[in-house]
Amino acid sequence: MSVKFNNRAKFARSKGDYNYYDWEVFVDEPKEVIDQIDYVTYFLHKTFPEPVRTVVDPQKDFSLNSRGWGEFDIGIKVTFKDGSEEQETYSLDLSKSWDGKIVD
């Protein structure tokens, strides 16, 4: 099974030459798939504080929220309730907004 992910982002603030965005990455699957997942581990860019983060909340689609100024590939390990695991890579897209509009 290949688990799909998605993200959304919104402008937070400018600092120096950088625009920072609040963003969220989440499992983009129906409840039947989410119910099979035990937890999701996200591997962020090494410059993040605590770059390895594990999320255990299926009620929020195993979403991870953070803030940053750039797009990057997120490594993801999905651990299922049956003990199996799946490795994914997701490319964070800061133009995907919370309200469906393109982020400037």
Protein backbone atom coordinates (compact mmCIF):
# COMPACT_ATOMS: atom_id res chain seq x y z
CA MET A 1 0.00 0.00 0.00
CA SER A 2 1.33 3.45 -0.85
CA VAL A 3 0.07 6.04 1.62
CA LYS A 4 -0.56 9.48 0.12
CA PHE A 5 0.38 12.68 1.90
CA ASN A 6 -0.55 16.31 1.33
CA ASN A 7 0.25 19.67 2.87
CA ARG A 8 -1.05 23.18 3.35
CA ALA A 9 0.78 26.39 4.19
CA LYS A 10 0.16 30.00 5.14
CA PHE A 11 2.40 33.04 5.31
CA ALA A 12 3.55 33.72 8.87
CA ARG A 13 6.03 36.59 8.71
CA SER A 14 9.08 38.05 7.01
CA LYS A 15 12.45 37.97 8.70
CA GLY A 16 15.36 39.49 6.85
CA ASP A 17 15.30 38.25 3.25
CA TYR A 18 13.07 35.26 4.07
CA ASN A 19 9.33 34.73 4.14
CA TYR A 20 8.37 32.21 6.79
CA TYR A 21 5.35 29.93 6.47
CA ASP A 22 3.38 27.86 8.93
CA TRP A 23 2.81 24.50 7.30
CA GLU A 24 1.14 21.18 7.96
CA VAL A 25 1.83 17.79 6.38
CA PHE A 26 -0.79 15.06 6.80
CA VAL A 27 -1.98 11.64 5.61
CA ASP A 28 -4.37 12.25 2.70
CA GLU A 29 -6.30 8.99 2.79
CA PRO A 30 -9.81 7.84 3.76
CA LYS A 31 -10.58 6.77 7.32
CA GLU A 32 -10.22 3.07 6.42
CA VAL A 33 -6.52 3.58 5.62
CA ILE A 34 -5.87 5.94 8.55
CA ASP A 35 -7.36 3.35 10.90
CA GLN A 36 -4.64 0.87 9.83
CA ILE A 37 -1.79 3.24 10.77
CA ASP A 38 -0.18 3.09 14.23
CA TYR A 39 2.07 6.14 13.90
CA VAL A 40 3.97 8.26 11.37
CA THR A 41 7.59 9.40 11.73
CA TYR A 42 8.68 12.50 9.80
CA PHE A 43 12.33 13.18 8.96
CA LEU A 44 12.73 16.92 8.43
CA HIS A 45 15.73 18.82 7.09
CA LYS A 46 18.67 18.56 9.50
CA THR A 47 18.51 22.31 10.24
CA PHE A 48 15.19 21.88 12.11
CA PRO A 49 15.21 21.56 15.88
CA GLU A 50 14.26 17.94 16.55
CA PRO A 51 14.37 16.91 12.87
CA VAL A 52 12.87 13.46 13.61
CA ARG A 53 9.28 13.75 14.83
CA THR A 54 6.75 11.01 15.50
CA VAL A 55 3.01 11.67 15.34
CA VAL A 56 0.50 9.26 16.92
CA ASP A 57 -2.84 11.11 16.49
CA PRO A 58 -5.13 9.52 13.86
CA GLN A 59 -7.90 12.02 14.69
CA LYS A 60 -5.80 14.72 13.01
CA ASP A 61 -4.67 12.50 10.11
CA PHE A 62 -1.21 12.14 11.70
CA SER A 63 -0.55 15.79 10.84
CA LEU A 64 2.73 17.52 11.60
CA ASN A 65 2.77 21.31 11.99
CA SER A 66 5.88 23.43 11.76
CA ARG A 67 7.29 26.72 10.43
CA GLY A 68 10.02 27.37 7.89
CA TRP A 69 11.11 29.46 4.95
CA GLY A 70 11.93 26.87 2.29
CA GLU A 71 10.60 23.83 0.52
CA PHE A 72 12.35 20.48 0.95
CA ASP A 73 11.76 16.74 0.75
CA ILE A 74 10.42 15.17 3.93
CA GLY A 75 11.30 11.56 4.63
CA ILE A 76 8.36 9.67 6.10
CA LYS A 77 8.05 6.25 7.73
CA VAL A 78 4.52 4.93 8.18
CA THR A 79 4.21 2.19 10.81
CA PHE A 80 1.04 0.13 10.56
CA LYS A 81 -0.80 -1.57 13.40
CA ASP A 82 0.17 -4.97 11.98
CA GLY A 83 3.87 -4.06 12.44
CA SER A 84 4.67 -3.48 8.78
CA GLU A 85 6.35 -0.27 7.66
CA GLU A 86 6.42 1.86 4.54
CA GLN A 87 8.95 4.52 3.56
CA GLU A 88 7.80 7.61 1.64
CA THR A 89 9.22 10.93 0.51
CA TYR A 90 7.01 13.99 0.31
CA SER A 91 7.99 17.31 -1.29
CA LEU A 92 6.73 20.19 0.84
CA ASP A 93 4.93 22.77 -1.33
CA LEU A 94 4.53 26.17 0.34
CA SER A 95 2.12 27.36 -2.39
CA LYS A 96 -0.65 25.03 -1.10
CA SER A 97 -2.68 27.23 1.22
CA TRP A 98 -5.13 26.50 4.03
CA ASP A 99 -8.01 28.08 2.13
CA GLY A 100 -7.31 26.64 -1.33
CA LYS A 101 -5.73 29.84 -2.69
CA ILE A 102 -2.16 30.10 -3.92
CA VAL A 103 0.16 31.51 -1.25
CA ASP A 104 2.21 34.53 -2.40
